[in-house]
N, C-alpha and C. Protein backbone atom coordinates (compact mmCIF):
# COMPACT_ATOMS: atom_id res chain seq x y z
N MET A 1 -22.79 -6.10 -26.84
CA MET A 1 -22.06 -7.16 -26.18
C MET A 1 -21.47 -6.62 -25.06
N PRO A 2 -22.02 -7.03 -23.77
CA PRO A 2 -21.47 -6.62 -22.49
C PRO A 2 -20.09 -6.89 -22.28
N ARG A 3 -19.25 -6.02 -21.73
CA ARG A 3 -17.97 -6.06 -21.41
C ARG A 3 -17.75 -6.81 -19.89
N ASN A 4 -16.68 -7.29 -20.00
CA ASN A 4 -16.09 -8.22 -18.71
C ASN A 4 -15.85 -6.72 -17.76
N ARG A 5 -16.49 -6.59 -16.61
CA ARG A 5 -16.00 -5.54 -15.88
C ARG A 5 -15.56 -5.98 -14.57
N LEU A 6 -14.44 -5.66 -14.13
CA LEU A 6 -14.26 -6.14 -12.70
C LEU A 6 -14.76 -5.07 -11.61
N PRO A 7 -15.02 -5.75 -10.37
CA PRO A 7 -15.67 -5.11 -9.27
C PRO A 7 -14.61 -3.78 -8.96
N PRO A 8 -15.55 -2.84 -8.05
CA PRO A 8 -14.92 -1.63 -7.70
C PRO A 8 -13.40 -2.01 -7.10
N TRP A 9 -12.42 -1.32 -7.62
CA TRP A 9 -11.05 -1.05 -6.96
C TRP A 9 -10.30 -2.48 -7.23
N HIS A 10 -10.72 -2.92 -8.46
CA HIS A 10 -10.07 -4.33 -8.89
C HIS A 10 -9.70 -3.74 -10.25
N GLU A 11 -8.34 -4.09 -10.62
CA GLU A 11 -7.73 -3.60 -12.00
C GLU A 11 -6.70 -4.77 -12.38
N GLU A 12 -6.84 -5.03 -13.35
CA GLU A 12 -5.56 -6.00 -14.00
C GLU A 12 -4.32 -4.96 -14.41
N PHE A 13 -3.20 -5.13 -13.79
CA PHE A 13 -1.89 -4.47 -13.99
C PHE A 13 -1.09 -5.33 -14.68
N VAL A 14 -0.34 -5.06 -15.91
CA VAL A 14 0.62 -5.90 -16.47
C VAL A 14 2.02 -5.26 -16.29
N LEU A 15 2.98 -6.04 -15.56
CA LEU A 15 4.22 -5.34 -15.38
C LEU A 15 4.95 -5.56 -16.68
N PRO A 16 5.92 -4.57 -16.88
CA PRO A 16 6.83 -4.65 -17.97
C PRO A 16 7.44 -6.06 -18.67
N ASN A 17 7.45 -6.94 -17.53
CA ASN A 17 8.04 -8.34 -17.88
C ASN A 17 6.75 -9.13 -18.46
N ARG A 18 5.56 -8.60 -18.61
CA ARG A 18 4.26 -9.37 -19.06
C ARG A 18 3.58 -10.21 -18.04
N ARG A 19 4.00 -10.10 -16.96
CA ARG A 19 3.61 -10.84 -15.76
C ARG A 19 2.18 -9.84 -15.24
N ALA A 20 1.18 -10.63 -15.16
CA ALA A 20 -0.08 -9.95 -14.78
C ALA A 20 -0.31 -10.03 -13.25
N ILE A 21 -0.59 -8.74 -12.75
CA ILE A 21 -0.71 -8.78 -11.15
C ILE A 21 -2.54 -8.10 -11.37
N LEU A 22 -3.16 -8.61 -10.36
CA LEU A 22 -4.52 -8.14 -10.06
C LEU A 22 -4.48 -7.38 -8.83
N ILE A 23 -4.72 -5.96 -9.06
CA ILE A 23 -4.86 -5.16 -8.05
C ILE A 23 -6.21 -5.25 -7.59
N ARG A 24 -6.52 -5.32 -6.15
CA ARG A 24 -7.62 -5.71 -5.47
C ARG A 24 -7.58 -5.45 -4.16
N PRO A 25 -8.97 -5.13 -3.54
CA PRO A 25 -8.78 -5.02 -1.91
C PRO A 25 -8.59 -6.31 -1.40
N ILE A 26 -7.82 -6.28 -0.23
CA ILE A 26 -7.46 -7.35 0.25
C ILE A 26 -8.84 -8.28 0.79
N ARG A 27 -8.84 -9.45 0.90
CA ARG A 27 -9.79 -10.37 1.21
C ARG A 27 -9.55 -11.14 2.35
N PRO A 28 -10.55 -11.66 3.22
CA PRO A 28 -10.19 -12.28 4.43
C PRO A 28 -9.55 -13.69 4.23
N GLU A 29 -9.70 -14.13 2.79
CA GLU A 29 -9.10 -15.42 2.65
C GLU A 29 -7.56 -15.22 2.33
N ASP A 30 -7.11 -13.94 1.96
CA ASP A 30 -5.72 -13.48 1.80
C ASP A 30 -4.88 -13.75 3.09
N ALA A 31 -5.43 -13.97 4.22
CA ALA A 31 -4.50 -14.05 5.36
C ALA A 31 -3.56 -14.93 5.35
N ALA A 32 -3.73 -16.22 4.78
CA ALA A 32 -2.76 -17.02 4.94
C ALA A 32 -1.40 -16.62 3.90
N PRO A 33 -1.89 -16.31 2.64
CA PRO A 33 -0.88 -15.83 1.68
C PRO A 33 -0.18 -14.75 2.14
N LEU A 34 -0.61 -13.65 2.80
CA LEU A 34 -0.26 -12.52 3.41
C LEU A 34 0.69 -13.14 4.44
N HIS A 35 0.26 -13.75 5.31
CA HIS A 35 1.24 -14.43 6.52
C HIS A 35 2.46 -14.95 5.73
N ALA A 36 2.47 -15.80 4.76
CA ALA A 36 3.48 -16.44 4.05
C ALA A 36 4.39 -15.56 3.47
N ALA A 37 3.75 -14.34 2.85
CA ALA A 37 4.81 -13.59 1.97
C ALA A 37 5.44 -12.28 2.91
N PHE A 38 4.78 -12.07 3.81
CA PHE A 38 5.04 -10.82 4.54
C PHE A 38 6.66 -10.61 4.65
N GLY A 39 7.34 -11.78 5.01
CA GLY A 39 8.86 -11.45 5.16
C GLY A 39 9.27 -11.27 3.92
N LEU A 40 8.73 -11.21 2.72
CA LEU A 40 9.50 -11.08 1.39
C LEU A 40 9.12 -9.64 1.25
N LEU A 41 7.99 -8.95 1.72
CA LEU A 41 8.06 -7.51 1.29
C LEU A 41 8.52 -6.77 2.12
N GLY A 42 9.10 -5.30 1.40
CA GLY A 42 9.93 -4.61 2.05
C GLY A 42 9.63 -3.08 1.82
N PRO A 43 10.44 -2.20 2.26
CA PRO A 43 11.61 -2.54 3.03
C PRO A 43 11.34 -2.91 4.61
N GLU A 44 12.19 -3.28 5.18
CA GLU A 44 12.02 -3.87 6.63
C GLU A 44 11.42 -2.74 7.65
N GLU A 45 12.20 -1.70 7.30
CA GLU A 45 11.68 -0.51 8.48
C GLU A 45 10.06 -0.44 8.47
N ILE A 46 9.91 -0.42 7.19
CA ILE A 46 8.33 -0.02 7.05
C ILE A 46 7.40 -1.26 7.29
N ARG A 47 8.04 -2.38 7.06
CA ARG A 47 7.09 -3.76 7.46
C ARG A 47 7.04 -3.63 9.01
N VAL A 48 8.23 -3.48 9.81
CA VAL A 48 8.09 -3.21 11.03
C VAL A 48 7.09 -2.38 11.77
N ARG A 49 7.03 -1.16 11.05
CA ARG A 49 6.05 -0.11 11.68
C ARG A 49 4.41 -0.77 11.03
N PHE A 50 4.49 -1.27 10.04
CA PHE A 50 3.15 -1.86 9.32
C PHE A 50 2.46 -2.84 10.28
N ALA A 51 3.40 -3.93 10.71
CA ALA A 51 2.62 -4.80 11.41
C ALA A 51 3.13 -4.84 12.99
N GLY A 52 4.15 -4.10 13.55
CA GLY A 52 4.21 -3.70 14.80
C GLY A 52 5.18 -4.94 15.19
N GLY A 53 5.63 -5.09 16.35
CA GLY A 53 6.69 -5.90 16.66
C GLY A 53 8.09 -5.73 16.15
N GLU A 54 8.45 -7.14 15.79
CA GLU A 54 9.64 -7.06 15.08
C GLU A 54 9.63 -7.26 13.48
N GLY A 55 8.51 -6.95 13.00
CA GLY A 55 8.37 -6.81 11.34
C GLY A 55 7.91 -8.21 10.87
N GLY A 56 7.65 -9.14 11.73
CA GLY A 56 6.93 -10.48 11.64
C GLY A 56 5.37 -10.18 11.35
N LEU A 57 4.98 -11.19 11.20
CA LEU A 57 3.28 -11.00 11.05
C LEU A 57 2.85 -12.45 11.46
N ASP A 58 2.27 -12.75 12.41
CA ASP A 58 1.71 -13.92 12.78
C ASP A 58 0.38 -14.05 12.13
N LEU A 59 -0.36 -15.25 12.03
CA LEU A 59 -1.37 -15.56 11.19
C LEU A 59 -2.44 -14.62 11.85
N ASP A 60 -2.85 -14.61 13.20
CA ASP A 60 -3.81 -13.81 13.77
C ASP A 60 -3.74 -12.40 13.27
N GLU A 61 -2.56 -11.80 13.21
CA GLU A 61 -2.30 -10.31 12.69
C GLU A 61 -2.63 -10.02 11.38
N ALA A 62 -2.16 -11.50 10.58
CA ALA A 62 -2.66 -11.30 8.96
C ALA A 62 -4.16 -11.33 8.91
N GLY A 63 -4.95 -12.23 9.83
CA GLY A 63 -6.36 -12.03 9.60
C GLY A 63 -6.90 -10.82 10.27
N ARG A 64 -6.31 -10.05 10.84
CA ARG A 64 -6.88 -8.65 11.27
C ARG A 64 -6.53 -7.79 9.97
N LEU A 65 -5.29 -7.89 9.57
CA LEU A 65 -4.98 -6.95 8.21
C LEU A 65 -5.99 -7.41 7.19
N ALA A 66 -6.45 -8.50 6.87
CA ALA A 66 -7.17 -8.90 5.99
C ALA A 66 -8.74 -8.56 6.19
N ARG A 67 -9.00 -7.95 7.35
CA ARG A 67 -10.45 -7.24 7.49
C ARG A 67 -10.32 -6.14 7.74
N PRO A 68 -9.79 -4.96 6.87
CA PRO A 68 -9.96 -3.49 7.14
C PRO A 68 -11.36 -2.98 7.43
N ASP A 69 -11.38 -1.90 8.15
CA ASP A 69 -12.73 -1.25 8.13
C ASP A 69 -12.87 -0.31 6.99
N PRO A 70 -13.77 -0.70 5.98
CA PRO A 70 -13.65 -0.02 4.69
C PRO A 70 -14.04 1.52 5.01
N ARG A 71 -14.83 1.95 6.03
CA ARG A 71 -14.92 3.30 6.27
C ARG A 71 -13.68 4.15 6.60
N GLN A 72 -12.71 3.61 7.00
CA GLN A 72 -11.35 4.14 7.52
C GLN A 72 -10.38 3.77 6.64
N GLU A 73 -10.50 2.73 6.04
CA GLU A 73 -9.04 2.22 5.56
C GLU A 73 -9.28 1.46 4.26
N LEU A 74 -8.14 1.77 3.34
CA LEU A 74 -8.25 0.84 2.10
C LEU A 74 -6.74 0.19 2.01
N LEU A 75 -7.02 -1.19 2.06
CA LEU A 75 -5.74 -2.13 1.90
C LEU A 75 -6.01 -2.67 0.78
N LEU A 76 -5.26 -2.56 -0.51
CA LEU A 76 -5.06 -3.13 -1.49
C LEU A 76 -3.84 -4.04 -1.68
N VAL A 77 -4.12 -5.28 -2.64
CA VAL A 77 -2.95 -6.04 -2.60
C VAL A 77 -2.71 -6.24 -4.22
N GLY A 78 -1.59 -6.33 -4.40
CA GLY A 78 -1.07 -6.88 -6.00
C GLY A 78 -0.75 -8.27 -6.03
N ALA A 79 -1.51 -8.88 -6.55
CA ALA A 79 -1.39 -10.37 -6.30
C ALA A 79 -1.69 -11.12 -7.80
N GLU A 80 -1.24 -12.46 -7.77
CA GLU A 80 -1.35 -13.15 -8.98
C GLU A 80 -2.86 -13.29 -9.26
N PRO A 81 -3.19 -13.51 -10.51
CA PRO A 81 -4.75 -13.47 -10.94
C PRO A 81 -5.35 -14.67 -10.48
N TYR A 82 -5.30 -15.02 -9.20
CA TYR A 82 -5.92 -16.32 -8.96
C TYR A 82 -7.17 -15.78 -7.86
N PRO A 83 -7.76 -16.77 -7.10
CA PRO A 83 -8.87 -16.58 -6.05
C PRO A 83 -8.07 -16.08 -4.82
N PRO A 84 -8.72 -15.21 -4.22
CA PRO A 84 -8.09 -14.98 -2.90
C PRO A 84 -7.92 -16.13 -2.08
N GLY A 85 -6.73 -16.14 -1.41
CA GLY A 85 -6.36 -17.35 -0.57
C GLY A 85 -5.43 -18.32 -1.39
N GLU A 86 -5.54 -18.32 -2.66
CA GLU A 86 -4.65 -18.99 -3.48
C GLU A 86 -3.72 -18.17 -4.12
N ALA A 87 -3.73 -16.82 -4.28
CA ALA A 87 -2.65 -15.96 -5.08
C ALA A 87 -1.63 -15.51 -4.05
N MET A 88 -0.45 -15.58 -4.76
CA MET A 88 0.54 -15.02 -4.14
C MET A 88 0.68 -13.46 -4.05
N ILE A 89 0.80 -12.87 -2.87
CA ILE A 89 0.82 -11.49 -3.01
C ILE A 89 2.29 -10.78 -3.08
N ALA A 90 2.29 -9.95 -4.12
CA ALA A 90 3.61 -9.35 -4.43
C ALA A 90 3.38 -7.86 -3.83
N GLY A 91 2.47 -7.32 -3.56
CA GLY A 91 2.66 -5.91 -2.88
C GLY A 91 1.37 -5.51 -2.25
N LEU A 92 1.47 -4.64 -1.13
CA LEU A 92 0.41 -4.10 -0.37
C LEU A 92 0.56 -2.54 -0.62
N GLY A 93 -0.62 -1.94 -0.71
CA GLY A 93 -0.73 -0.49 -0.41
C GLY A 93 -1.83 -0.26 0.40
N ARG A 94 -1.91 0.47 1.66
CA ARG A 94 -2.51 0.77 2.47
C ARG A 94 -2.69 2.29 2.85
N ALA A 95 -3.94 2.88 2.86
CA ALA A 95 -4.11 4.09 3.43
C ALA A 95 -5.08 4.19 4.51
N ARG A 96 -4.74 4.67 5.67
CA ARG A 96 -5.79 4.75 6.96
C ARG A 96 -5.77 5.86 7.39
N ARG A 97 -7.14 6.23 7.81
CA ARG A 97 -7.42 7.54 8.45
C ARG A 97 -6.76 7.78 9.79
N VAL A 98 -6.22 8.63 10.20
CA VAL A 98 -5.91 9.00 11.44
C VAL A 98 -7.23 9.30 12.30
N PRO A 99 -7.56 8.71 13.07
CA PRO A 99 -9.12 8.84 13.90
C PRO A 99 -9.08 10.48 14.41
N GLY A 100 -10.20 10.94 14.14
CA GLY A 100 -10.47 12.32 14.56
C GLY A 100 -9.57 13.41 13.48
N THR A 101 -9.15 13.19 12.54
CA THR A 101 -8.53 14.07 11.59
C THR A 101 -8.97 13.91 10.27
N ARG A 102 -8.67 14.55 9.57
CA ARG A 102 -8.76 14.79 7.91
C ARG A 102 -7.44 14.27 7.17
N GLN A 103 -6.86 13.49 7.81
CA GLN A 103 -5.37 12.96 7.63
C GLN A 103 -5.44 11.38 7.28
N ALA A 104 -4.65 11.00 6.37
CA ALA A 104 -4.45 9.44 6.14
C ALA A 104 -3.00 9.31 6.27
N GLU A 105 -2.68 7.99 6.79
CA GLU A 105 -1.24 7.60 6.62
C GLU A 105 -1.25 6.47 5.51
N CYS A 106 -0.49 6.56 4.48
CA CYS A 106 -0.30 5.49 3.50
C CYS A 106 1.19 4.76 3.65
N THR A 107 1.01 3.49 3.22
CA THR A 107 2.14 2.72 3.13
C THR A 107 2.15 1.62 1.86
N ILE A 108 3.19 1.53 1.42
CA ILE A 108 3.46 0.60 0.21
C ILE A 108 4.68 -0.32 0.66
N LEU A 109 4.10 -1.71 0.22
CA LEU A 109 5.23 -2.65 0.44
C LEU A 109 5.18 -3.43 -0.52
N LEU A 110 6.41 -3.77 -1.13
CA LEU A 110 6.48 -4.66 -2.49
C LEU A 110 7.58 -5.66 -2.35
N ALA A 111 7.15 -6.88 -2.96
CA ALA A 111 8.24 -7.96 -2.95
C ALA A 111 9.34 -7.49 -3.89
N ARG A 112 10.48 -7.83 -3.60
CA ARG A 112 11.69 -7.37 -4.21
C ARG A 112 11.61 -7.69 -5.85
N TYR A 113 11.02 -8.80 -6.26
CA TYR A 113 10.90 -9.16 -7.69
C TYR A 113 9.93 -8.27 -8.48
N VAL A 114 9.18 -7.27 -7.88
CA VAL A 114 8.31 -6.40 -8.59
C VAL A 114 8.74 -5.01 -8.33
N ALA A 115 9.87 -4.81 -7.46
CA ALA A 115 10.33 -3.34 -7.38
C ALA A 115 10.83 -2.87 -8.44
N GLY A 116 10.46 -1.70 -8.69
CA GLY A 116 10.96 -0.96 -9.88
C GLY A 116 10.18 -1.14 -11.10
N LEU A 117 9.03 -1.80 -11.21
CA LEU A 117 8.29 -2.21 -12.18
C LEU A 117 7.07 -1.58 -12.25
N GLY A 118 6.73 -0.50 -11.44
CA GLY A 118 5.61 0.43 -11.57
C GLY A 118 4.35 0.10 -10.74
N LEU A 119 4.56 -1.32 -10.11
CA LEU A 119 3.26 -1.55 -9.11
C LEU A 119 3.21 -0.54 -8.01
N GLY A 120 4.49 -0.16 -7.49
CA GLY A 120 4.33 0.85 -6.31
C GLY A 120 3.82 2.09 -6.80
N ARG A 121 4.04 2.58 -7.90
CA ARG A 121 3.50 3.81 -8.44
C ARG A 121 1.82 3.82 -8.50
N HIS A 122 1.60 2.61 -9.18
CA HIS A 122 0.01 2.30 -9.38
C HIS A 122 -0.55 2.11 -7.99
N LEU A 123 -0.08 1.52 -7.06
CA LEU A 123 -0.87 1.55 -5.90
C LEU A 123 -0.81 2.78 -5.11
N LEU A 124 0.38 3.29 -4.96
CA LEU A 124 0.01 4.81 -4.68
C LEU A 124 -0.74 5.80 -5.27
N GLN A 125 -0.82 5.92 -6.44
CA GLN A 125 -1.98 6.52 -7.20
C GLN A 125 -3.40 6.02 -6.69
N LYS A 126 -3.46 4.55 -6.42
CA LYS A 126 -4.94 4.21 -5.94
C LYS A 126 -5.23 4.78 -4.44
N LEU A 127 -4.28 4.75 -3.66
CA LEU A 127 -4.13 5.28 -2.34
C LEU A 127 -4.70 6.80 -2.53
N VAL A 128 -4.04 7.62 -3.41
CA VAL A 128 -4.37 9.08 -3.37
C VAL A 128 -5.61 9.23 -3.98
N LYS A 129 -6.21 8.07 -5.00
CA LYS A 129 -7.43 8.53 -5.10
C LYS A 129 -8.55 8.16 -4.29
N TRP A 130 -8.46 7.11 -3.36
CA TRP A 130 -9.16 6.87 -2.29
C TRP A 130 -9.18 8.21 -1.50
N GLY A 131 -8.21 8.58 -1.03
CA GLY A 131 -8.05 9.79 -0.06
C GLY A 131 -8.64 11.01 -0.59
N ARG A 132 -8.77 11.40 -2.10
CA ARG A 132 -9.59 12.18 -2.55
C ARG A 132 -10.93 12.17 -2.50
N GLY A 133 -11.29 10.69 -2.75
CA GLY A 133 -12.84 10.31 -2.55
C GLY A 133 -13.32 10.26 -1.02
N ARG A 134 -12.53 10.27 -0.04
CA ARG A 134 -12.94 10.28 1.39
C ARG A 134 -12.67 11.67 2.06
N ALA A 135 -12.44 12.60 1.04
CA ALA A 135 -12.54 13.94 1.80
C ALA A 135 -11.11 14.10 2.68
N VAL A 136 -10.04 13.26 2.47
CA VAL A 136 -8.89 13.36 3.25
C VAL A 136 -8.14 14.69 2.68
N ASP A 137 -7.65 15.51 3.76
CA ASP A 137 -6.97 16.85 3.36
C ASP A 137 -5.66 16.62 3.00
N ARG A 138 -5.07 15.41 3.96
CA ARG A 138 -3.36 15.37 3.72
C ARG A 138 -2.92 13.91 3.92
N LEU A 139 -2.34 13.33 2.99
CA LEU A 139 -2.01 12.15 2.81
C LEU A 139 -0.28 12.08 3.22
N PHE A 140 -0.01 11.18 4.18
CA PHE A 140 1.49 11.17 4.40
C PHE A 140 2.04 9.58 4.48
N GLY A 141 3.04 9.45 4.37
CA GLY A 141 3.80 8.24 4.64
C GLY A 141 5.26 8.49 4.94
N ASP A 142 5.90 7.52 5.67
CA ASP A 142 7.20 7.33 6.20
C ASP A 142 8.15 6.66 5.18
N ILE A 143 9.17 7.05 4.57
CA ILE A 143 9.78 6.32 3.68
C ILE A 143 11.28 6.38 4.26
N PRO A 144 11.88 4.95 4.13
CA PRO A 144 13.48 4.73 4.71
C PRO A 144 14.17 5.85 3.75
N ALA A 145 15.22 6.69 4.38
CA ALA A 145 15.98 7.69 3.66
C ALA A 145 16.76 7.04 2.53
N SER A 146 17.28 5.71 2.79
CA SER A 146 17.72 4.84 1.86
C SER A 146 17.22 4.38 0.72
N ASN A 147 15.75 4.50 0.65
CA ASN A 147 15.06 4.23 -0.49
C ASN A 147 14.58 5.25 -1.39
N VAL A 148 15.75 5.65 -2.24
CA VAL A 148 15.77 6.67 -3.01
C VAL A 148 14.84 6.53 -4.20
N PRO A 149 14.53 5.45 -4.76
CA PRO A 149 13.47 5.05 -5.66
C PRO A 149 12.04 5.60 -5.10
N MET A 150 11.72 5.34 -4.02
CA MET A 150 10.48 5.46 -3.56
C MET A 150 10.15 6.88 -3.15
N LEU A 151 11.41 7.53 -2.51
CA LEU A 151 11.28 8.94 -2.42
C LEU A 151 11.17 9.79 -3.75
N GLU A 152 11.75 9.16 -4.79
CA GLU A 152 11.58 9.94 -6.05
C GLU A 152 10.17 9.58 -6.70
N LEU A 153 9.71 8.46 -6.43
CA LEU A 153 8.35 8.18 -6.92
C LEU A 153 7.20 8.99 -6.04
N ALA A 154 7.41 9.27 -4.73
CA ALA A 154 6.61 10.05 -3.88
C ALA A 154 6.71 11.40 -4.45
N GLU A 155 7.76 11.98 -4.75
CA GLU A 155 7.87 13.37 -5.19
C GLU A 155 7.20 13.61 -6.51
N SER A 156 7.60 12.62 -7.55
CA SER A 156 6.81 12.70 -8.68
C SER A 156 5.30 12.68 -8.77
N LEU A 157 4.61 12.24 -7.63
CA LEU A 157 3.24 12.22 -7.50
C LEU A 157 2.74 13.70 -6.79
N GLY A 158 3.80 14.30 -6.30
CA GLY A 158 3.29 15.60 -5.63
C GLY A 158 3.82 15.70 -4.10
N PHE A 159 4.13 14.48 -3.71
CA PHE A 159 4.49 14.41 -2.20
C PHE A 159 5.84 15.19 -1.93
N ARG A 160 5.83 15.99 -0.58
CA ARG A 160 6.95 16.68 -0.46
C ARG A 160 7.32 16.37 1.15
N PRO A 161 8.84 16.27 1.22
CA PRO A 161 9.15 15.95 2.36
C PRO A 161 8.84 16.87 3.48
N GLU A 162 8.48 16.29 4.88
CA GLU A 162 8.14 17.21 5.97
C GLU A 162 9.40 17.21 6.82
N PRO A 163 10.35 18.07 6.74
CA PRO A 163 11.49 17.78 7.73
C PRO A 163 11.35 17.80 9.12
N GLU A 164 10.38 18.68 9.53
CA GLU A 164 10.07 18.70 11.18
C GLU A 164 9.03 17.61 11.56
N ALA A 165 8.83 16.51 10.71
CA ALA A 165 7.93 15.48 11.42
C ALA A 165 8.83 14.48 12.37
N GLN A 166 8.20 14.40 13.36
CA GLN A 166 8.76 13.46 14.32
C GLN A 166 8.60 11.88 14.12
N VAL A 167 9.52 11.58 13.06
CA VAL A 167 9.86 9.99 12.68
C VAL A 167 10.87 9.37 13.10
N PRO A 168 10.94 8.01 13.26
CA PRO A 168 11.99 7.36 13.81
C PRO A 168 13.37 7.86 12.79
N ALA A 169 14.37 7.64 13.38
CA ALA A 169 15.44 7.82 12.64
C ALA A 169 15.74 7.10 11.35
N GLY A 170 16.31 7.38 10.36
CA GLY A 170 16.41 6.78 9.12
C GLY A 170 15.23 6.89 8.23
N LEU A 171 14.04 7.45 8.71
CA LEU A 171 12.77 7.63 8.03
C LEU A 171 12.57 9.11 7.55
N VAL A 172 12.00 9.30 6.43
CA VAL A 172 11.63 10.73 6.00
C VAL A 172 9.87 10.59 5.73
N ARG A 173 9.55 11.57 6.37
CA ARG A 173 8.07 11.89 6.10
C ARG A 173 7.72 12.50 5.04
N VAL A 174 6.92 12.13 4.14
CA VAL A 174 6.35 12.63 2.88
C VAL A 174 4.95 13.03 3.16
N VAL A 175 4.55 14.23 2.58
CA VAL A 175 2.95 14.61 2.59
C VAL A 175 2.52 15.08 1.30
N LEU A 176 1.43 14.70 0.98
CA LEU A 176 0.68 15.24 0.00
C LEU A 176 -0.56 16.02 0.27
N ASP A 177 -0.75 17.20 -0.01
CA ASP A 177 -1.75 18.00 0.37
C ASP A 177 -2.80 17.93 -0.55
N LEU A 178 -4.04 17.30 -0.25
CA LEU A 178 -5.15 17.00 -1.23
C LEU A 178 -6.05 18.30 -0.99
N ALA A 179 -6.11 18.94 -0.14
CA ALA A 179 -7.26 20.02 -0.01
C ALA A 179 -6.96 20.94 -1.24
N ARG A 180 -5.72 21.12 -1.47
CA ARG A 180 -5.43 22.13 -2.51
C ARG A 180 -5.79 21.75 -4.00
N GLY A 181 -5.90 20.47 -4.27
CA GLY A 181 -6.12 20.24 -5.46
C GLY A 181 -6.42 18.72 -5.62
């Protein structure tokens, strides 16, 4: 009997509170739900850098984010298990190659109601897997110094602080060297 298989990069993730989240690549239909939910995703310092500007996301910008270049970027959503465009987005994970390098920047944004429930870890693990599969030598991200749980999560996955990095005040750059292992 054939198993029901999800497409590549799709996975059901059940939170400890038994809420099912579908982790999948962002789709163009997700632009409106992303626009609606973006202000609920945090932390704000990372949201500002993710979207540019004041941390808001207009519908045109949401539309651009919902159409990443698959050769250079992976943008995963953690969403309700409904069709794209109908599902509320609870989290984002993005890895994007730095042009002309073998490095990629990663970002995790989560809604408060899923923070601390394992979705961030799962998304970050997927971004690391993507980086390894794309011959990325170095994955890095900037985390607010006040976000101790995310800093601890990054450390538990092998990321190390890079104190000499030029990042805005209040952020800590963490780096994972993929070339070694």
